[in-house]
Amino acid sequence: MLTHRFWAGLFALVPILGIGLYVIAVLGVGSVGGFSFAGLWLPENANPYANAIDHLFDLVHIICGVVLGVTTSILAYVVWRYADHPGRQAEPALYITHHTLLEWIWTAIPAAILVFLGFYQLQVWADNKMNRPMVMVEGQERAVEPSALVVGKQFGWEVYYPGPDGVLGTLDDQRVENELTVPVGRPVVLRVEAKDVLHSFAIPGLRVKQDVVPGMTQLVWFQVDRPGTYEILCMELCGWGHYKMRARMKAVAEGLEAEVQE
């Protein structure tokens, strides 16, 4: 019986500790033994396009927290309530091998949640993956053209800017290693490619993440609200030197972009 009580208490602690650590990480408050919880969560978002992504992220965590709390609480109660009692016989009426209605319920609820999330995030997906930012050119609305090409390789990032001809992807492009410079306050579109294996271009501070497949060209876009330096990472295990695929992105005031590139 003591063993059952122990496991019941352990199951009850799982949602408490899990949800508690989530809240502490999000709020970034408190410390233990000199270790601060600040910084355990995502960096502050500087991309207005990604506000909806943060909202979805929080929503999914709340749903998972509710499911975790309900299921583990039921499990803890059952283990505690029906702990082994020597000499006690199970009541035939309580001995159940299956329950069709319950099986329908615990299948239908997750399905309904997934369908809801699928439809709920459609506009967010479209804004961040399909509907490229537009700009007015000579009185006509046109899609923003890529301002740089970022190529992932083992193990680093090559950044190419248009050369004197002003066209990206020609022989006079300017090449920089592991450093990207973008303007503040206006939409930025990048071409991203992979030279050798699968990589994943990510800027956590802007909630940007795009898998990059060799032989394919992808577009990513964002807008940086404030000047600063942001970390670029590869979020795909791409080989022994994956840990070295760190670069930086400088967001500078309009007019300083060309100066910084030079």
Protein backbone atom coordinates (compact mmCIF):
# COMPACT_ATOMS: atom_id res chain seq x y z
CA MET A 1 0.00 0.00 0.00
CA LEU A 2 2.82 2.41 0.79
CA THR A 3 4.21 1.86 -2.70
CA HIS A 4 0.85 2.80 -4.20
CA ARG A 5 0.70 5.92 -2.05
CA PHE A 6 4.20 6.88 -3.16
CA TRP A 7 3.33 6.55 -6.85
CA ALA A 8 0.06 8.41 -6.37
CA GLY A 9 1.94 11.33 -4.78
CA LEU A 10 4.55 11.25 -7.58
CA PHE A 11 1.87 11.36 -10.28
CA ALA A 12 0.21 14.29 -8.48
CA LEU A 13 3.53 16.18 -8.43
CA VAL A 14 4.07 15.88 -12.19
CA PRO A 15 1.49 18.53 -13.28
CA ILE A 16 2.32 20.76 -10.31
CA LEU A 17 6.04 20.83 -11.09
CA GLY A 18 5.57 20.92 -14.86
CA ILE A 19 3.06 23.76 -14.91
CA GLY A 20 4.93 25.58 -12.14
CA LEU A 21 8.23 25.49 -14.03
CA TYR A 22 6.46 26.69 -17.18
CA VAL A 23 5.01 29.71 -15.35
CA ILE A 24 8.36 30.49 -13.70
CA ALA A 25 10.18 30.29 -17.04
CA VAL A 26 7.64 32.53 -18.78
CA LEU A 27 7.72 35.13 -16.01
CA GLY A 28 11.48 34.81 -15.60
CA VAL A 29 11.32 35.27 -11.84
CA GLY A 30 13.09 33.56 -8.98
CA SER A 31 16.39 31.76 -8.56
CA VAL A 32 17.74 28.63 -6.85
CA GLY A 33 21.27 28.44 -5.48
CA GLY A 34 22.33 31.44 -7.48
CA PHE A 35 20.81 30.09 -10.70
CA SER A 36 18.32 32.58 -12.17
CA PHE A 37 15.24 31.41 -14.06
CA ALA A 38 15.39 34.53 -16.22
CA GLY A 39 16.32 33.59 -19.76
CA LEU A 40 14.90 30.06 -19.69
CA TRP A 41 12.07 31.10 -22.01
CA LEU A 42 12.16 32.51 -25.52
CA PRO A 43 13.95 35.84 -25.98
CA GLU A 44 11.79 38.93 -26.21
CA ASN A 45 10.07 39.09 -29.58
CA ALA A 46 11.17 41.96 -31.86
CA ASN A 47 9.15 40.95 -34.93
CA PRO A 48 5.55 42.24 -35.23
CA TYR A 49 4.73 39.45 -37.68
CA ALA A 50 5.46 36.94 -34.91
CA ASN A 51 3.08 38.26 -32.23
CA ALA A 52 0.47 35.78 -33.42
CA ILE A 53 3.08 32.98 -33.26
CA ASP A 54 3.69 33.75 -29.59
CA HIS A 55 -0.07 33.69 -29.01
CA LEU A 56 -0.33 30.24 -30.63
CA PHE A 57 2.67 29.04 -28.63
CA ASP A 58 1.01 30.08 -25.36
CA LEU A 59 -2.35 28.60 -26.41
CA VAL A 60 -0.82 25.19 -27.18
CA HIS A 61 1.02 25.19 -23.85
CA ILE A 62 -2.18 26.06 -21.97
CA ILE A 63 -4.06 23.22 -23.68
CA CYS A 64 -1.21 20.80 -22.92
CA GLY A 65 -1.13 22.01 -19.30
CA VAL A 66 -4.85 21.38 -18.86
CA VAL A 67 -4.60 17.90 -20.41
CA LEU A 68 -1.55 17.08 -18.28
CA GLY A 69 -3.25 18.28 -15.11
CA VAL A 70 -6.49 16.39 -15.74
CA THR A 71 -4.96 13.08 -16.82
CA THR A 72 -2.28 12.86 -14.13
CA SER A 73 -4.73 13.95 -11.44
CA ILE A 74 -7.12 11.16 -12.43
CA LEU A 75 -4.24 8.69 -12.48
CA ALA A 76 -3.04 9.81 -9.05
CA TYR A 77 -6.56 9.56 -7.61
CA VAL A 78 -7.11 6.05 -9.00
CA VAL A 79 -3.77 4.80 -7.68
CA TRP A 80 -4.46 6.32 -4.25
CA ARG A 81 -8.14 5.37 -4.02
CA TYR A 82 -7.77 1.81 -5.19
CA ALA A 83 -4.49 0.93 -3.51
CA ASP A 84 -3.95 -2.70 -2.69
CA HIS A 85 -5.83 -3.94 0.40
CA PRO A 86 -4.77 -7.43 1.57
CA GLY A 87 -7.70 -9.85 1.72
CA ARG A 88 -10.01 -7.50 -0.20
CA GLN A 89 -11.69 -8.94 -3.32
CA ALA A 90 -12.38 -6.81 -6.39
CA GLU A 91 -16.08 -6.22 -6.91
CA PRO A 92 -17.25 -7.85 -10.18
CA ALA A 93 -19.25 -4.76 -11.06
CA LEU A 94 -16.09 -2.64 -11.01
CA TYR A 95 -13.98 -4.99 -13.07
CA ILE A 96 -14.09 -3.44 -16.56
CA THR A 97 -12.05 -4.59 -19.56
CA HIS A 98 -13.13 -1.76 -21.83
CA HIS A 99 -15.69 1.02 -22.14
CA THR A 100 -16.77 1.96 -25.64
CA LEU A 101 -18.20 5.37 -24.72
CA LEU A 102 -15.02 6.39 -22.87
CA GLU A 103 -12.91 5.28 -25.82
CA TRP A 104 -14.99 7.45 -28.14
CA ILE A 105 -14.66 10.40 -25.76
CA TRP A 106 -10.88 10.26 -25.33
CA THR A 107 -10.49 9.86 -29.09
CA ALA A 108 -12.94 12.62 -30.03
CA ILE A 109 -11.56 15.27 -27.65
CA PRO A 110 -7.93 15.22 -28.94
CA ALA A 111 -9.23 15.07 -32.52
CA ALA A 112 -11.44 18.11 -31.92
CA ILE A 113 -8.52 20.03 -30.35
CA LEU A 114 -6.24 19.26 -33.30
CA VAL A 115 -8.90 20.26 -35.84
CA PHE A 116 -9.53 23.50 -33.93
CA LEU A 117 -5.81 24.35 -33.83
CA GLY A 118 -5.48 23.49 -37.53
CA PHE A 119 -8.13 26.02 -38.53
CA TYR A 120 -7.21 28.56 -35.84
CA GLN A 121 -3.64 28.92 -37.13
CA LEU A 122 -4.45 29.18 -40.85
CA GLN A 123 -4.13 32.96 -41.01
CA VAL A 124 -0.92 32.94 -38.95
CA TRP A 125 0.60 30.38 -41.33
CA ALA A 126 -0.50 32.41 -44.35
CA ASP A 127 0.95 35.66 -42.98
CA ASN A 128 4.29 34.08 -42.11
CA LYS A 129 4.73 31.49 -44.87
CA MET A 130 2.57 32.42 -47.86
CA ASN A 131 1.59 36.10 -48.06
CA ARG A 132 4.85 37.91 -48.76
CA PRO A 133 4.96 41.56 -47.58
CA MET A 134 3.89 44.10 -50.20
CA VAL A 135 5.27 47.55 -51.00
CA MET A 136 4.12 50.40 -53.26
CA VAL A 137 6.37 50.90 -56.31
CA GLU A 138 5.44 53.65 -58.78
CA GLY A 139 1.85 53.52 -57.62
CA GLN A 140 1.59 49.75 -57.85
CA GLU A 141 1.62 47.22 -55.03
CA ARG A 142 4.38 44.66 -55.45
CA ALA A 143 5.87 41.90 -53.34
CA VAL A 144 9.03 42.89 -51.47
CA GLU A 145 12.08 41.47 -53.25
CA PRO A 146 14.71 39.48 -51.34
CA SER A 147 17.48 41.76 -50.08
CA ALA A 148 19.99 38.99 -49.34
CA LEU A 149 20.69 35.32 -49.93
CA VAL A 150 21.60 33.18 -46.91
CA VAL A 151 23.20 29.80 -47.64
CA GLY A 152 23.65 27.16 -44.96
CA LYS A 153 26.67 24.91 -45.15
CA GLN A 154 28.72 22.60 -42.94
CA PHE A 155 29.28 24.47 -40.72
CA GLY A 156 28.29 28.11 -41.09
CA TRP A 157 26.22 30.64 -43.01
CA GLU A 158 27.18 32.48 -46.20
CA VAL A 159 25.38 35.78 -46.77
CA TYR A 160 25.23 37.32 -50.24
CA TYR A 161 24.16 40.90 -51.03
CA PRO A 162 23.43 42.34 -54.49
CA GLY A 163 26.55 43.85 -56.11
CA PRO A 164 26.79 46.98 -58.29
CA ASP A 165 24.19 45.62 -60.72
CA GLY A 166 21.60 45.59 -57.92
CA VAL A 167 20.53 42.04 -58.77
CA LEU A 168 20.80 39.21 -56.28
CA GLY A 169 22.32 35.97 -57.51
CA THR A 170 24.85 37.31 -60.03
CA LEU A 171 28.64 37.11 -60.16
CA ASP A 172 29.20 40.53 -58.57
CA ASP A 173 27.30 39.69 -55.35
CA GLN A 174 29.08 40.65 -52.12
CA ARG A 175 29.73 37.69 -49.80
CA VAL A 176 29.96 37.82 -45.99
CA GLU A 177 30.47 34.95 -43.54
CA ASN A 178 28.13 34.50 -40.57
CA GLU A 179 26.85 38.08 -40.45
CA LEU A 180 23.59 39.49 -41.80
CA THR A 181 22.63 43.16 -41.76
CA VAL A 182 19.02 44.32 -42.14
CA PRO A 183 17.21 47.64 -41.70
CA VAL A 184 14.92 48.45 -38.78
CA GLY A 185 11.28 49.31 -39.26
CA ARG A 186 10.50 47.81 -42.66
CA PRO A 187 9.74 44.34 -44.03
CA VAL A 188 12.77 42.21 -44.91
CA VAL A 189 12.64 39.23 -47.28
CA LEU A 190 15.51 36.72 -47.48
CA ARG A 191 16.27 33.85 -49.81
CA VAL A 192 17.56 30.86 -47.88
CA GLU A 193 19.28 27.82 -49.39
CA ALA A 194 21.44 24.87 -48.32
CA LYS A 195 24.74 23.98 -49.98
CA ASP A 196 25.21 20.41 -48.73
CA VAL A 197 22.76 18.87 -46.23
CA LEU A 198 19.48 19.77 -44.57
CA HIS A 199 19.76 22.89 -42.37
CA SER A 200 17.20 25.01 -40.55
CA PHE A 201 17.59 28.80 -40.59
CA ALA A 202 16.34 30.26 -37.30
CA ILE A 203 16.35 33.63 -35.53
CA PRO A 204 14.75 32.95 -32.11
CA GLY A 205 14.42 36.65 -31.26
CA LEU A 206 12.19 37.10 -34.33
CA ARG A 207 10.44 33.69 -34.14
CA VAL A 208 11.81 32.87 -37.60
CA LYS A 209 12.49 29.22 -38.46
CA GLN A 210 12.69 27.70 -41.93
CA ASP A 211 14.00 24.26 -42.89
CA VAL A 212 16.31 24.51 -45.88
CA VAL A 213 16.66 21.57 -48.29
CA PRO A 214 19.56 21.28 -50.76
CA GLY A 215 18.36 22.08 -54.27
CA MET A 216 15.41 24.16 -53.06
CA THR A 217 15.02 27.90 -52.47
CA GLN A 218 12.83 29.19 -49.64
CA LEU A 219 11.77 32.69 -48.68
CA VAL A 220 11.47 34.05 -45.15
CA TRP A 221 10.31 37.48 -44.09
CA PHE A 222 10.13 39.53 -40.94
CA GLN A 223 10.41 43.05 -39.60
CA VAL A 224 12.69 44.16 -36.78
CA ASP A 225 11.19 46.74 -34.44
CA ARG A 226 14.38 47.90 -32.76
CA PRO A 227 18.10 48.06 -33.50
CA GLY A 228 20.33 45.41 -32.01
CA THR A 229 22.18 42.17 -32.60
CA TYR A 230 20.22 38.95 -32.90
CA GLU A 231 21.45 35.35 -32.89
CA ILE A 232 21.12 33.16 -35.99
CA LEU A 233 21.09 29.41 -35.38
CA CYS A 234 20.72 26.14 -37.26
CA MET A 235 17.87 24.20 -35.67
CA GLU A 236 18.55 20.97 -37.56
CA LEU A 237 21.21 18.47 -36.54
CA CYS A 238 23.42 18.73 -39.62
CA GLY A 239 26.62 16.93 -38.63
CA TRP A 240 29.44 16.87 -36.11
CA GLY A 241 29.97 20.65 -36.30
CA HIS A 242 26.31 21.59 -35.91
CA TYR A 243 27.13 23.44 -32.69
CA LYS A 244 29.31 25.87 -34.64
CA MET A 245 26.51 27.12 -36.90
CA ARG A 246 25.98 30.36 -35.04
CA ALA A 247 25.86 33.71 -36.78
CA ARG A 248 24.59 37.16 -35.94
CA MET A 249 22.12 39.52 -37.49
CA LYS A 250 22.56 43.26 -37.05
CA ALA A 251 19.42 45.39 -37.24
CA VAL A 252 20.44 48.97 -38.02
CA ALA A 253 18.67 52.23 -38.66
CA GLU A 254 17.68 52.93 -42.27
CA GLY A 255 20.59 54.47 -44.17
CA LEU A 256 23.26 52.71 -42.10
CA GLU A 257 22.65 49.31 -43.73
CA ALA A 258 24.92 49.87 -46.73
CA GLU A 259 27.57 51.45 -44.54
CA VAL A 260 27.64 48.45 -42.20
CA GLN A 261 27.84 45.99 -45.11
CA GLU A 262 30.86 47.81 -46.48
